[in-house]
Amino acid sequence: MEKSWKITLADGTKLENLGLNGNNFVSETEITEEDFKGKLIKVKIEGTTEDGQEITEEHNHMELVQIAHYKDGYYFVLRDISEAELEKLKMQSDIEYLAMMSDIDLEEE
C-alpha cells in the first residue's frame, strides 16, 4: 500500500505518510480519538490515486467514524456531516440553551 496521502486538520495538525485502503486511511503511527477532537471543522485531504491522479479535497464539518488497530497500522475513517445533521445539532443546542436560561430540566425522571 503506497503511503501517498496527507490530512491537514483545522488546527494545522498534519497526518502524513498515510495509506488508503477503501475508505480507511492507514497510519503506521498511533492514531487516537484525541488526535481529532475539536479539529474536524475544516479538513484538507491530499493524495495520489493508484492511477496517478492528484487529489485535493477540502471538507467542512467531518466526524471520526472509527479507529481500528491491526498489525499493519491504525485504520481510521472520516465522514462528512450533512447539512441536515448540522441543522439538527444546532436546533438541539438552541433548545438546551433556552431550557438552561429558563431553568427547565430537560432530563426525564
Protein backbone atom coordinates (compact mmCIF):
# COMPACT_ATOMS: atom_id res chain seq x y z
CA MET A 1 0.00 0.00 0.00
CA GLU A 2 1.51 3.27 -1.14
CA LYS A 3 1.67 5.93 1.58
CA SER A 4 0.89 8.98 -0.52
CA TRP A 5 -1.91 10.65 1.46
CA LYS A 6 -1.84 13.60 3.85
CA ILE A 7 -4.61 15.06 6.02
CA THR A 8 -4.42 18.57 7.48
CA LEU A 9 -6.81 19.26 10.37
CA ALA A 10 -8.38 22.60 11.36
CA ASP A 11 -5.62 23.47 13.84
CA GLY A 12 -2.85 22.76 11.31
CA THR A 13 -2.08 19.25 12.58
CA LYS A 14 -0.76 17.15 9.70
CA LEU A 15 -1.21 13.39 9.44
CA GLU A 16 1.28 12.32 6.77
CA ASN A 17 2.51 9.18 5.02
CA LEU A 18 -0.95 7.65 5.12
CA GLY A 19 -2.05 4.72 3.03
CA LEU A 20 -5.58 4.35 1.70
CA ASN A 21 -7.47 1.05 1.91
CA GLY A 22 -11.01 1.52 0.60
CA ASN A 23 -12.32 4.45 2.65
CA ASN A 24 -9.88 3.76 5.51
CA PHE A 25 -6.75 5.83 5.91
CA VAL A 26 -3.87 3.80 7.36
CA SER A 27 -1.13 5.16 9.59
CA GLU A 28 1.88 3.27 10.90
CA THR A 29 1.98 5.85 13.71
CA GLU A 30 -0.55 5.51 16.54
CA ILE A 31 -3.75 7.49 15.95
CA THR A 32 -6.27 8.16 18.74
CA GLU A 33 -9.64 9.90 19.01
CA GLU A 34 -7.85 12.67 20.92
CA ASP A 35 -5.85 13.48 17.76
CA PHE A 36 -9.10 14.59 16.06
CA LYS A 37 -11.03 16.14 18.96
CA GLY A 38 -12.22 19.65 18.02
CA LYS A 39 -10.13 19.62 14.82
CA LEU A 40 -12.58 18.38 12.19
CA ILE A 41 -14.43 21.61 11.37
CA LYS A 42 -12.07 22.05 8.39
CA VAL A 43 -10.13 19.15 6.89
CA LYS A 44 -7.89 19.06 3.83
CA ILE A 45 -7.16 15.68 2.24
CA GLU A 46 -4.38 15.39 -0.34
CA GLY A 47 -3.06 12.37 -2.13
CA THR A 48 -2.44 10.43 -5.28
CA THR A 49 -4.71 7.66 -6.54
CA GLU A 50 -3.35 4.32 -7.78
CA ASP A 51 -3.65 5.59 -11.36
CA GLY A 52 -1.56 8.69 -10.55
CA GLN A 53 -4.37 11.25 -10.26
CA GLU A 54 -3.63 14.06 -7.79
CA ILE A 55 -6.50 14.65 -5.34
CA THR A 56 -7.04 17.70 -3.11
CA GLU A 57 -10.31 17.89 -1.16
CA GLU A 58 -11.40 20.44 1.40
CA HIS A 59 -14.15 19.37 3.79
CA ASN A 60 -16.14 21.25 6.40
CA HIS A 61 -17.67 19.54 9.42
CA MET A 62 -16.36 16.00 9.42
CA GLU A 63 -16.50 13.37 12.11
CA LEU A 64 -14.33 10.43 13.06
CA VAL A 65 -16.27 7.23 12.41
CA GLN A 66 -13.81 4.72 13.86
CA ILE A 67 -10.21 3.81 14.55
CA ALA A 68 -9.05 0.20 14.43
CA HIS A 69 -5.56 -1.11 15.17
CA TYR A 70 -4.25 -4.01 13.11
CA LYS A 71 -0.78 -5.49 12.59
CA ASP A 72 -0.04 -3.18 9.66
CA GLY A 73 -1.22 0.04 11.30
CA TYR A 74 -4.03 2.22 12.60
CA TYR A 75 -7.03 2.35 10.27
CA PHE A 76 -9.37 5.32 10.58
CA VAL A 77 -12.41 6.63 8.73
CA LEU A 78 -13.66 10.21 8.47
CA ARG A 79 -17.02 11.26 7.06
CA ASP A 80 -18.76 14.50 6.16
CA ILE A 81 -21.59 15.62 8.43
CA SER A 82 -24.62 16.50 6.27
CA GLU A 83 -26.37 19.87 6.34
CA ALA A 84 -29.46 18.17 7.84
CA GLU A 85 -27.35 16.73 10.67
CA LEU A 86 -25.76 20.15 11.30
CA GLU A 87 -29.20 21.79 11.46
CA LYS A 88 -30.41 19.14 13.90
CA LEU A 89 -27.35 19.64 16.12
CA LYS A 90 -27.85 23.41 16.10
CA MET A 91 -31.54 23.06 16.92
CA GLN A 92 -30.77 20.72 19.84
CA SER A 93 -28.14 23.14 21.10
CA ASP A 94 -30.63 26.03 20.87
CA ILE A 95 -33.26 24.04 22.79
CA GLU A 96 -30.76 23.15 25.51
CA TYR A 97 -29.67 26.80 25.78
CA LEU A 98 -33.27 28.05 26.07
CA ALA A 99 -34.05 25.39 28.67
CA MET A 100 -31.00 26.38 30.70
CA MET A 101 -31.88 30.08 30.52
CA SER A 102 -35.47 29.29 31.57
CA ASP A 103 -34.33 26.93 34.34
CA ILE A 104 -36.15 23.97 32.75
CA ASP A 105 -34.80 20.45 33.27
CA LEU A 106 -34.91 18.51 30.00
CA GLU A 107 -33.89 15.24 31.67
CA GLU A 108 -36.71 12.75 32.10
CA GLU A 109 -37.08 11.28 35.54
